[in-house]
Amino acid sequence: VLLFSGKRKSGKDFVAEEIQSRLGLDVCTILRLSGPLKEQYAKEHGLDFRRLLDATDYKELYRQDMIRWGEERRQSSPGFFCRIVVEGVTQPVWIVSDTRRSSDVEWFRDVYGDLVQI
């Protein structure tokens, strides 16, 4: 389990995709915590989930509220988004390309122990 952390637009996805291309799709998967966050936020707020995934003005309209909402979820249920993103993953190598919160790092360390690299 490889956890990538860093600021927005710092190259985390680029590096994750490079590693995945070398290891192969059958061995390595890229997990993004922002996916389940945006999906749950869209469901609860009646928004277009697909439009929240791309880098458009639509997403920017909701960014601050989504961040606040996500933090509230993490406070009430640490690991909420982590549990969702790992469900059903079968590849032996996981790259979590957007591990920005210490609570997410702690969840992966608690659940997967020494398998986690940051």
Protein backbone atom coordinates (compact mmCIF):
# COMPACT_ATOMS: atom_id res chain seq x y z
CA VAL A 1 0.00 0.00 0.00
CA LEU A 2 1.71 3.16 -1.23
CA LEU A 3 0.30 6.43 0.09
CA PHE A 4 1.09 9.57 -1.90
CA SER A 5 0.68 12.87 -0.12
CA GLY A 6 1.28 16.41 -1.30
CA LYS A 7 -0.29 19.63 -2.44
CA ARG A 8 -2.78 19.90 -5.28
CA LYS A 9 -1.13 19.74 -8.71
CA SER A 10 2.20 18.50 -7.29
CA GLY A 11 2.46 15.43 -9.56
CA LYS A 12 1.06 12.69 -7.33
CA ASP A 13 -1.20 11.30 -10.05
CA PHE A 14 1.59 11.47 -12.64
CA VAL A 15 3.97 9.43 -10.47
CA ALA A 16 1.21 6.97 -9.53
CA GLU A 17 0.35 6.42 -13.19
CA GLU A 18 4.03 5.89 -14.07
CA ILE A 19 4.37 3.21 -11.39
CA GLN A 20 1.14 1.55 -12.49
CA SER A 21 2.24 1.51 -16.14
CA ARG A 22 5.48 -0.27 -15.16
CA LEU A 23 3.82 -2.82 -12.86
CA GLY A 24 0.73 -3.42 -14.99
CA LEU A 25 -3.00 -3.07 -14.38
CA ASP A 26 -3.29 -6.65 -13.14
CA VAL A 27 -0.74 -5.99 -10.38
CA CYS A 28 -1.31 -2.36 -9.43
CA THR A 29 -4.36 -0.15 -8.93
CA ILE A 30 -4.60 3.56 -8.25
CA LEU A 31 -7.11 4.51 -5.57
CA ARG A 32 -8.32 8.07 -5.09
CA LEU A 33 -10.00 9.05 -1.84
CA SER A 34 -11.55 12.03 -3.61
CA GLY A 35 -13.73 9.68 -5.70
CA PRO A 36 -15.93 8.33 -2.90
CA LEU A 37 -15.94 11.74 -1.22
CA LYS A 38 -17.27 13.43 -4.36
CA GLU A 39 -19.72 10.61 -5.02
CA GLN A 40 -21.22 10.78 -1.53
CA TYR A 41 -21.30 14.58 -1.60
CA ALA A 42 -23.07 14.57 -4.98
CA LYS A 43 -25.67 12.06 -3.74
CA GLU A 44 -26.45 14.02 -0.60
CA HIS A 45 -26.59 17.37 -2.41
CA GLY A 46 -28.30 16.33 -5.66
CA LEU A 47 -25.29 17.18 -7.84
CA ASP A 48 -23.75 15.68 -10.97
CA PHE A 49 -21.02 13.33 -9.70
CA ARG A 50 -19.25 13.11 -13.10
CA ARG A 51 -18.92 16.89 -13.30
CA LEU A 52 -17.36 16.97 -9.84
CA LEU A 53 -14.61 14.63 -11.05
CA ASP A 54 -13.17 16.93 -13.70
CA ALA A 55 -11.30 20.20 -13.35
CA THR A 56 -14.12 22.56 -14.23
CA ASP A 57 -15.77 25.63 -12.78
CA TYR A 58 -18.63 23.33 -11.68
CA LYS A 59 -16.36 21.57 -9.20
CA GLU A 60 -14.86 24.87 -8.05
CA LEU A 61 -18.34 26.15 -7.13
CA TYR A 62 -18.63 23.39 -4.53
CA ARG A 63 -14.99 22.89 -3.50
CA GLN A 64 -15.05 24.73 -0.15
CA ASP A 65 -18.33 23.18 0.97
CA MET A 66 -17.14 19.74 -0.17
CA ILE A 67 -13.97 20.15 1.91
CA ARG A 68 -15.98 21.17 4.97
CA TRP A 69 -18.44 18.30 4.44
CA GLY A 70 -15.60 15.80 4.00
CA GLU A 71 -13.93 16.94 7.22
CA GLU A 72 -17.21 16.53 9.10
CA ARG A 73 -17.52 12.98 7.76
CA ARG A 74 -13.96 12.16 8.80
CA GLN A 75 -14.57 13.54 12.30
CA SER A 76 -17.71 11.47 12.78
CA SER A 77 -16.27 8.34 11.12
CA PRO A 78 -12.47 8.22 10.68
CA GLY A 79 -11.64 6.05 7.70
CA PHE A 80 -15.08 6.55 6.11
CA PHE A 81 -13.69 7.28 2.63
CA CYS A 82 -10.76 4.86 3.05
CA ARG A 83 -13.10 1.93 3.71
CA ILE A 84 -15.15 2.74 0.62
CA VAL A 85 -12.16 3.11 -1.72
CA VAL A 86 -10.55 -0.25 -0.82
CA GLU A 87 -13.75 -2.31 -1.16
CA GLY A 88 -13.34 -5.07 -3.72
CA VAL A 89 -9.77 -4.23 -4.77
CA THR A 90 -8.01 -7.39 -5.98
CA GLN A 91 -4.59 -6.18 -7.15
CA PRO A 92 -1.72 -6.81 -4.71
CA VAL A 93 -0.24 -3.29 -5.08
CA TRP A 94 -2.35 -0.29 -4.16
CA ILE A 95 -1.40 3.33 -4.74
CA VAL A 96 -3.53 5.87 -2.92
CA SER A 97 -2.67 8.98 -4.89
CA ASP A 98 -4.39 11.64 -2.77
CA THR A 99 -3.69 10.92 0.89
CA ARG A 100 -3.77 14.48 2.19
CA ARG A 101 -5.17 14.02 5.71
CA SER A 102 -3.25 12.58 8.64
CA SER A 103 -6.42 10.73 9.68
CA ASP A 104 -6.35 8.84 6.36
CA VAL A 105 -2.68 7.91 6.84
CA GLU A 106 -3.48 6.72 10.37
CA TRP A 107 -6.37 4.58 9.11
CA PHE A 108 -4.21 2.82 6.52
CA ARG A 109 -1.44 2.28 9.08
CA ASP A 110 -3.90 0.91 11.64
CA VAL A 111 -5.55 -1.45 9.16
CA TYR A 112 -2.58 -2.52 7.01
CA GLY A 113 0.39 -1.98 9.34
CA ASP A 114 3.82 -2.63 7.84
CA LEU A 115 2.38 -2.97 4.33
CA VAL A 116 1.96 0.82 4.21
CA GLN A 117 4.65 3.04 2.70
CA ILE A 118 4.33 6.82 2.54
